[in-house]
């Protein structure tokens, strides 16, 4: 199963819930239509968050920012 999911929750709430469950975040990004895309670091963590947040999952395809860069991201490696 995928480690990624789209949630009808604000980013701050997604981060808080992952922290409270001890689930690592690989990527988190806002969705243009509202909500948050979450990619967990492990499949087990993603399964846990899907169970806990099943009422907030967005079904189907969503539009994402084409070149999203988190605030404060720097160029380079």
PDB file of N, CA and C in Angstrom:
ATOM      1  N   UNK A   1       0.839  -1.176   0.000  1.00  0.00           N
ATOM      2  CA  UNK A   1       0.000   0.000   0.000  1.00  0.00           C
ATOM      3  C   UNK A   1       0.885   1.240   0.000  1.00  0.00           C
ATOM      4  N   UNK A   2       0.366   2.324  -0.519  1.00  0.00           N
ATOM      5  CA  UNK A   2       1.109   3.571  -0.629  1.00  0.00           C
ATOM      6  C   UNK A   2       1.353   4.216   0.733  1.00  0.00           C
ATOM      7  N   UNK A   3       2.457   4.927   0.829  1.00  0.00           N
ATOM      8  CA  UNK A   3       2.744   5.693   2.044  1.00  0.00           C
ATOM      9  C   UNK A   3       2.099   7.070   1.990  1.00  0.00           C
ATOM     10  N   UNK A   4       1.511   7.439   0.848  1.00  0.00           N
ATOM     11  CA  UNK A   4       0.936   8.768   0.641  1.00  0.00           C
ATOM     12  C   UNK A   4      -0.577   8.758   0.821  1.00  0.00           C
ATOM     13  N   UNK A   5      -1.099   9.870   1.305  1.00  0.00           N
ATOM     14  CA  UNK A   5      -2.550  10.046   1.435  1.00  0.00           C
ATOM     15  C   UNK A   5      -2.881  11.531   1.417  1.00  0.00           C
ATOM     16  N   UNK A   6      -4.095  11.831   1.003  1.00  0.00           N
ATOM     17  CA  UNK A   6      -4.591  13.206   0.986  1.00  0.00           C
ATOM     18  C   UNK A   6      -5.658  13.323   2.060  1.00  0.00           C
ATOM     19  N   UNK A   7      -5.520  14.354   2.883  1.00  0.00           N
ATOM     20  CA  UNK A   7      -6.393  14.508   4.043  1.00  0.00           C
ATOM     21  C   UNK A   7      -7.096  15.858   4.041  1.00  0.00           C
ATOM     22  N   UNK A   8      -8.331  15.876   4.471  1.00  0.00           N
ATOM     23  CA  UNK A   8      -9.110  17.103   4.600  1.00  0.00           C
ATOM     24  C   UNK A   8      -8.874  17.686   5.995  1.00  0.00           C
ATOM     25  N   UNK A   9      -7.609  17.979   6.272  1.00  0.00           N
ATOM     26  CA  UNK A   9      -7.187  18.566   7.546  1.00  0.00           C
ATOM     27  C   UNK A   9      -6.085  19.578   7.270  1.00  0.00           C
ATOM     28  N   UNK A  10      -5.943  20.593   8.116  1.00  0.00           N
ATOM     29  CA  UNK A  10      -4.834  21.529   7.946  1.00  0.00           C
ATOM     30  C   UNK A  10      -3.494  20.857   8.286  1.00  0.00           C
ATOM     31  N   UNK A  11      -2.430  21.373   7.701  1.00  0.00           N
ATOM     32  CA  UNK A  11      -1.093  20.811   7.898  1.00  0.00           C
ATOM     33  C   UNK A  11      -0.713  20.730   9.370  1.00  0.00           C
ATOM     34  N   UNK A  12      -1.014  21.762  10.127  1.00  0.00           N
ATOM     35  CA  UNK A  12      -0.638  21.762  11.546  1.00  0.00           C
ATOM     36  C   UNK A  12      -1.296  20.607  12.303  1.00  0.00           C
ATOM     37  N   UNK A  13      -2.538  20.297  11.976  1.00  0.00           N
ATOM     38  CA  UNK A  13      -3.249  19.197  12.622  1.00  0.00           C
ATOM     39  C   UNK A  13      -2.649  17.848  12.209  1.00  0.00           C
ATOM     40  N   UNK A  14      -2.306  17.706  10.935  1.00  0.00           N
ATOM     41  CA  UNK A  14      -1.683  16.469  10.446  1.00  0.00           C
ATOM     42  C   UNK A  14      -0.350  16.238  11.163  1.00  0.00           C
ATOM     43  N   UNK A  15       0.463  17.282  11.265  1.00  0.00           N
ATOM     44  CA  UNK A  15       1.755  17.162  11.960  1.00  0.00           C
ATOM     45  C   UNK A  15       1.550  16.779  13.432  1.00  0.00           C
ATOM     46  N   UNK A  16       0.592  17.409  14.075  1.00  0.00           N
ATOM     47  CA  UNK A  16       0.328  17.129  15.491  1.00  0.00           C
ATOM     48  C   UNK A  16      -0.109  15.678  15.688  1.00  0.00           C
ATOM     49  N   UNK A  17      -1.001  15.196  14.841  1.00  0.00           N
ATOM     50  CA  UNK A  17      -1.489  13.825  14.962  1.00  0.00           C
ATOM     51  C   UNK A  17      -0.389  12.807  14.687  1.00  0.00           C
ATOM     52  N   UNK A  18       0.451  13.058  13.707  1.00  0.00           N
ATOM     53  CA  UNK A  18       1.571  12.150  13.429  1.00  0.00           C
ATOM     54  C   UNK A  18       2.534  12.111  14.610  1.00  0.00           C
ATOM     55  N   UNK A  19       2.826  13.257  15.173  1.00  0.00           N
ATOM     56  CA  UNK A  19       3.723  13.323  16.329  1.00  0.00           C
ATOM     57  C   UNK A  19       3.137  12.552  17.508  1.00  0.00           C
ATOM     58  N   UNK A  20       1.843  12.729  17.751  1.00  0.00           N
ATOM     59  CA  UNK A  20       1.221  12.055  18.890  1.00  0.00           C
ATOM     60  C   UNK A  20       1.202  10.533  18.724  1.00  0.00           C
ATOM     61  N   UNK A  21       1.222  10.056  17.477  1.00  0.00           N
ATOM     62  CA  UNK A  21       1.214   8.617  17.211  1.00  0.00           C
ATOM     63  C   UNK A  21       2.618   8.058  16.960  1.00  0.00           C
ATOM     64  N   UNK A  22       3.620   8.930  16.954  1.00  0.00           N
ATOM     65  CA  UNK A  22       4.987   8.485  16.700  1.00  0.00           C
ATOM     66  C   UNK A  22       5.218   8.061  15.259  1.00  0.00           C
ATOM     67  N   UNK A  23       4.477   8.654  14.328  1.00  0.00           N
ATOM     68  CA  UNK A  23       4.599   8.330  12.911  1.00  0.00           C
ATOM     69  C   UNK A  23       5.481   9.372  12.235  1.00  0.00           C
ATOM     70  N   UNK A  24       6.530   8.907  11.562  1.00  0.00           N
ATOM     71  CA  UNK A  24       7.447   9.808  10.868  1.00  0.00           C
ATOM     72  C   UNK A  24       6.856  10.334   9.574  1.00  0.00           C
ATOM     73  N   UNK A  25       7.165  11.588   9.281  1.00  0.00           N
ATOM     74  CA  UNK A  25       6.686  12.257   8.076  1.00  0.00           C
ATOM     75  C   UNK A  25       7.838  12.375   7.089  1.00  0.00           C
ATOM     76  N   UNK A  26       7.612  11.882   5.876  1.00  0.00           N
ATOM     77  CA  UNK A  26       8.588  12.046   4.809  1.00  0.00           C
ATOM     78  C   UNK A  26       8.346  13.379   4.105  1.00  0.00           C
ATOM     79  N   UNK A  27       7.089  13.625   3.737  1.00  0.00           N
ATOM     80  CA  UNK A  27       6.704  14.866   3.049  1.00  0.00           C
ATOM     81  C   UNK A  27       5.318  15.263   3.519  1.00  0.00           C
ATOM     82  N   UNK A  28       5.143  16.560   3.702  1.00  0.00           N
ATOM     83  CA  UNK A  28       3.810  17.103   3.969  1.00  0.00           C
ATOM     84  C   UNK A  28       3.693  18.380   3.148  1.00  0.00           C
ATOM     85  N   UNK A  29       2.576  18.520   2.422  1.00  0.00           N
ATOM     86  CA  UNK A  29       2.403  19.708   1.590  1.00  0.00           C
ATOM     87  C   UNK A  29       0.929  20.100   1.549  1.00  0.00           C
ATOM     88  N   UNK A  30       0.656  21.396   1.474  1.00  0.00           N
ATOM     89  CA  UNK A  30      -0.736  21.839   1.374  1.00  0.00           C
ATOM     90  C   UNK A  30      -1.280  21.544  -0.019  1.00  0.00           C
ATOM     91  N   UNK A  31      -2.577  21.310  -0.104  1.00  0.00           N
ATOM     92  CA  UNK A  31      -3.243  21.108  -1.389  1.00  0.00           C
ATOM     93  C   UNK A  31      -3.931  22.401  -1.796  1.00  0.00           C
ATOM     94  N   UNK A  32      -3.871  22.787  -3.076  1.00  0.00           N
ATOM     95  CA  UNK A  32      -4.485  24.051  -3.515  1.00  0.00           C
ATOM     96  C   UNK A  32      -5.970  24.153  -3.177  1.00  0.00           C
ATOM     97  N   UNK A  33      -6.680  23.030  -3.183  1.00  0.00           N
ATOM     98  CA  UNK A  33      -8.115  23.056  -2.919  1.00  0.00           C
ATOM     99  C   UNK A  33      -8.440  22.965  -1.428  1.00  0.00           C
ATOM    100  N   UNK A  34      -7.396  22.907  -0.606  1.00  0.00           N
ATOM    101  CA  UNK A  34      -7.568  22.758   0.831  1.00  0.00           C
ATOM    102  C   UNK A  34      -7.209  21.352   1.247  1.00  0.00           C
ATOM    103  N   UNK A  35      -6.735  21.219   2.443  1.00  0.00           N
ATOM    104  CA  UNK A  35      -6.305  19.916   2.919  1.00  0.00           C
ATOM    105  C   UNK A  35      -4.798  19.763   2.806  1.00  0.00           C
ATOM    106  N   UNK A  36      -4.327  18.557   3.065  1.00  0.00           N
ATOM    107  CA  UNK A  36      -2.896  18.293   3.150  1.00  0.00           C
ATOM    108  C   UNK A  36      -2.571  16.946   2.536  1.00  0.00           C
ATOM    109  N   UNK A  37      -1.462  16.891   1.817  1.00  0.00           N
ATOM    110  CA  UNK A  37      -0.921  15.622   1.317  1.00  0.00           C
ATOM    111  C   UNK A  37       0.138  15.179   2.309  1.00  0.00           C
ATOM    112  N   UNK A  38       0.014  13.964   2.783  1.00  0.00           N
ATOM    113  CA  UNK A  38       0.947  13.394   3.752  1.00  0.00           C
ATOM    114  C   UNK A  38       1.601  12.165   3.148  1.00  0.00           C
ATOM    115  N   UNK A  39       2.931  12.091   3.250  1.00  0.00           N
ATOM    116  CA  UNK A  39       3.669  10.886   2.894  1.00  0.00           C
ATOM    117  C   UNK A  39       4.431  10.475   4.150  1.00  0.00           C
ATOM    118  N   UNK A  40       4.101   9.320   4.676  1.00  0.00           N
ATOM    119  CA  UNK A  40       4.749   8.806   5.882  1.00  0.00           C
ATOM    120  C   UNK A  40       6.065   8.119   5.513  1.00  0.00           C
ATOM    121  N   UNK A  41       6.965   8.001   6.473  1.00  0.00           N
ATOM    122  CA  UNK A  41       8.258   7.374   6.199  1.00  0.00           C
ATOM    123  C   UNK A  41       8.158   5.865   6.069  1.00  0.00           C
ATOM    124  N   UNK A  42       7.141   5.250   6.660  1.00  0.00           N
ATOM    125  CA  UNK A  42       6.975   3.797   6.563  1.00  0.00           C
ATOM    126  C   UNK A  42       5.547   3.443   6.184  1.00  0.00           C
ATOM    127  N   UNK A  43       5.400   2.280   5.593  1.00  0.00           N
ATOM    128  CA  UNK A  43       4.068   1.787   5.264  1.00  0.00           C
ATOM    129  C   UNK A  43       3.241   1.508   6.504  1.00  0.00           C
ATOM    130  N   UNK A  44       3.887   1.050   7.559  1.00  0.00           N
ATOM    131  CA  UNK A  44       3.184   0.774   8.818  1.00  0.00           C
ATOM    132  C   UNK A  44       2.628   2.078   9.397  1.00  0.00           C
ATOM    133  N   UNK A  45       3.434   3.133   9.357  1.00  0.00           N
ATOM    134  CA  UNK A  45       2.971   4.434   9.836  1.00  0.00           C
ATOM    135  C   UNK A  45       1.806   4.952   9.006  1.00  0.00           C
ATOM    136  N   UNK A  46       1.882   4.747   7.687  1.00  0.00           N
ATOM    137  CA  UNK A  46       0.799   5.187   6.803  1.00  0.00           C
ATOM    138  C   UNK A  46      -0.491   4.413   7.108  1.00  0.00           C
ATOM    139  N   UNK A  47      -0.366   3.115   7.329  1.00  0.00           N
ATOM    140  CA  UNK A  47      -1.545   2.311   7.674  1.00  0.00           C
ATOM    141  C   UNK A  47      -2.173   2.798   8.984  1.00  0.00           C
ATOM    142  N   UNK A  48      -1.331   3.118   9.958  1.00  0.00           N
ATOM    143  CA  UNK A  48      -1.821   3.627  11.249  1.00  0.00           C
ATOM    144  C   UNK A  48      -2.584   4.934  11.065  1.00  0.00           C
ATOM    145  N   UNK A  49      -2.020   5.847  10.277  1.00  0.00           N
ATOM    146  CA  UNK A  49      -2.674   7.144  10.079  1.00  0.00           C
ATOM    147  C   UNK A  49      -3.959   6.980   9.267  1.00  0.00           C
ATOM    148  N   UNK A  50      -3.980   6.077   8.303  1.00  0.00           N
ATOM    149  CA  UNK A  50      -5.222   5.831   7.550  1.00  0.00           C
ATOM    150  C   UNK A  50      -6.335   5.336   8.463  1.00  0.00           C
ATOM    151  N   UNK A  51      -5.987   4.449   9.392  1.00  0.00           N
ATOM    152  CA  UNK A  51      -6.989   3.958  10.343  1.00  0.00           C
ATOM    153  C   UNK A  51      -7.494   5.083  11.237  1.00  0.00           C
ATOM    154  N   UNK A  52      -6.581   5.874  11.762  1.00  0.00           N
ATOM    155  CA  UNK A  52      -6.970   6.941  12.693  1.00  0.00           C
ATOM    156  C   UNK A  52      -7.686   8.093  12.010  1.00  0.00           C
ATOM    157  N   UNK A  53      -7.358   8.338  10.740  1.00  0.00           N
ATOM    158  CA  UNK A  53      -7.912   9.503  10.040  1.00  0.00           C
ATOM    159  C   UNK A  53      -8.854   9.119   8.902  1.00  0.00           C
ATOM    160  N   UNK A  54      -9.431   7.931   8.965  1.00  0.00           N
ATOM    161  CA  UNK A  54     -10.263   7.435   7.860  1.00  0.00           C
ATOM    162  C   UNK A  54     -11.418   8.379   7.525  1.00  0.00           C
ATOM    163  N   UNK A  55     -11.920   9.103   8.482  1.00  0.00           N
ATOM    164  CA  UNK A  55     -13.004  10.051   8.219  1.00  0.00           C
ATOM    165  C   UNK A  55     -12.554  11.331   7.533  1.00  0.00           C
ATOM    166  N   UNK A  56     -11.229  11.530   7.416  1.00  0.00           N
ATOM    167  CA  UNK A  56     -10.682  12.746   6.808  1.00  0.00           C
ATOM    168  C   UNK A  56      -9.966  12.479   5.492  1.00  0.00           C
ATOM    169  N   UNK A  57      -9.958  11.213   5.030  1.00  0.00           N
ATOM    170  CA  UNK A  57      -9.288  10.876   3.775  1.00  0.00           C
ATOM    171  C   UNK A  57     -10.049  11.464   2.593  1.00  0.00           C
ATOM    172  N   UNK A  58      -9.328  12.015   1.644  1.00  0.00           N
ATOM    173  CA  UNK A  58      -9.915  12.536   0.415  1.00  0.00           C
ATOM    174  C   UNK A  58      -9.796  11.427  -0.626  1.00  0.00           C
ATOM    175  N   UNK A  59     -10.917  10.981  -1.156  1.00  0.00           N
ATOM    176  CA  UNK A  59     -10.931   9.940  -2.183  1.00  0.00           C
ATOM    177  C   UNK A  59     -10.693  10.549  -3.559  1.00  0.00           C
ATOM    178  N   UNK A  60     -10.081   9.789  -4.434  1.00  0.00           N
ATOM    179  CA  UNK A  60      -9.892  10.221  -5.819  1.00  0.00           C
ATOM    180  C   UNK A  60      -8.696  11.133  -5.989  1.00  0.00           C
ATOM    181  N   UNK A  61      -8.556  11.603  -7.211  1.00  0.00           N
ATOM    182  CA  UNK A  61      -7.422  12.459  -7.574  1.00  0.00           C
ATOM    183  C   UNK A  61      -7.625  13.875  -7.033  1.00  0.00           C
ATOM    184  N   UNK A  62      -6.529  14.494  -6.650  1.00  0.00           N
ATOM    185  CA  UNK A  62      -6.550  15.891  -6.208  1.00  0.00           C
ATOM    186  C   UNK A  62      -5.516  16.667  -7.015  1.00  0.00           C
ATOM    187  N   UNK A  63      -5.720  17.963  -7.109  1.00  0.00           N
ATOM    188  CA  UNK A  63      -4.754  18.833  -7.760  1.00  0.00           C
ATOM    189  C   UNK A  63      -3.685  19.196  -6.747  1.00  0.00           C
ATOM    190  N   UNK A  64      -2.427  19.095  -7.170  1.00  0.00           N
ATOM    191  CA  UNK A  64      -1.305  19.465  -6.301  1.00  0.00           C
ATOM    192  C   UNK A  64      -0.567  20.640  -6.912  1.00  0.00           C
ATOM    193  N   UNK A  65       0.205  21.358  -6.096  1.00  0.00           N
ATOM    194  CA  UNK A  65       1.063  22.422  -6.611  1.00  0.00           C
ATOM    195  C   UNK A  65       2.098  21.795  -7.532  1.00  0.00           C
ATOM    196  N   UNK A  66       2.334  22.400  -8.659  1.00  0.00           N
ATOM    197  CA  UNK A  66       3.260  21.825  -9.627  1.00  0.00           C
ATOM    198  C   UNK A  66       4.685  21.765  -9.105  1.00  0.00           C
ATOM    199  N   UNK A  67       5.173  22.845  -8.523  1.00  0.00           N
ATOM    200  CA  UNK A  67       6.536  22.891  -7.993  1.00  0.00           C
ATOM    201  C   UNK A  67       6.501  23.410  -6.575  1.00  0.00           C
ATOM    202  N   UNK A  68       5.968  22.622  -5.673  1.00  0.00           N
ATOM    203  CA  UNK A  68       5.856  23.056  -4.280  1.00  0.00           C
ATOM    204  C   UNK A  68       7.204  22.984  -3.591  1.00  0.00           C
ATOM    205  N   UNK A  69       7.579  24.086  -2.920  1.00  0.00           N
ATOM    206  CA  UNK A  69       8.770  24.122  -2.070  1.00  0.00           C
ATOM    207  C   UNK A  69       8.353  24.614  -0.702  1.00  0.00           C
ATOM    208  N   UNK A  70       8.653  23.863   0.317  1.00  0.00           N
ATOM    209  CA  UNK A  70       8.257  24.296   1.665  1.00  0.00           C
ATOM    210  C   UNK A  70       8.922  25.626   2.019  1.00  0.00           C
ATOM    211  N   UNK A  71       8.260  26.449   2.811  1.00  0.00           N
ATOM    212  CA  UNK A  71       8.863  27.707   3.237  1.00  0.00           C
ATOM    213  C   UNK A  71      10.202  27.433   3.915  1.00  0.00           C
ATOM    214  N   UNK A  72      11.200  28.220   3.572  1.00  0.00           N
ATOM    215  CA  UNK A  72      12.526  28.075   4.176  1.00  0.00           C
ATOM    216  C   UNK A  72      13.430  27.076   3.468  1.00  0.00           C
ATOM    217  N   UNK A  73      12.932  26.420   2.401  1.00  0.00           N
ATOM    218  CA  UNK A  73      13.762  25.450   1.674  1.00  0.00           C
ATOM    219  C   UNK A  73      14.877  26.181   0.950  1.00  0.00           C
ATOM    220  N   UNK A  74      16.033  25.591   0.900  1.00  0.00           N
ATOM    221  CA  UNK A  74      17.193  26.207   0.259  1.00  0.00           C
ATOM    222  C   UNK A  74      17.627  25.361  -0.938  1.00  0.00           C
ATOM    223  N   UNK A  75      18.258  26.003  -1.893  1.00  0.00           N
ATOM    224  CA  UNK A  75      18.819  25.279  -3.037  1.00  0.00           C
ATOM    225  C   UNK A  75      20.075  24.557  -2.592  1.00  0.00           C
ATOM    226  N   UNK A  76      20.424  23.523  -3.318  1.00  0.00           N
ATOM    227  CA  UNK A  76      21.663  22.791  -3.009  1.00  0.00           C
ATOM    228  C   UNK A  76      21.368  21.487  -2.330  1.00  0.00           C
ATOM    229  N   UNK A  77      22.417  20.835  -1.900  1.00  0.00           N
ATOM    230  CA  UNK A  77      22.287  19.497  -1.307  1.00  0.00           C
ATOM    231  C   UNK A  77      22.732  19.474   0.117  1.00  0.00           C
TER     232      UNK A  77
END
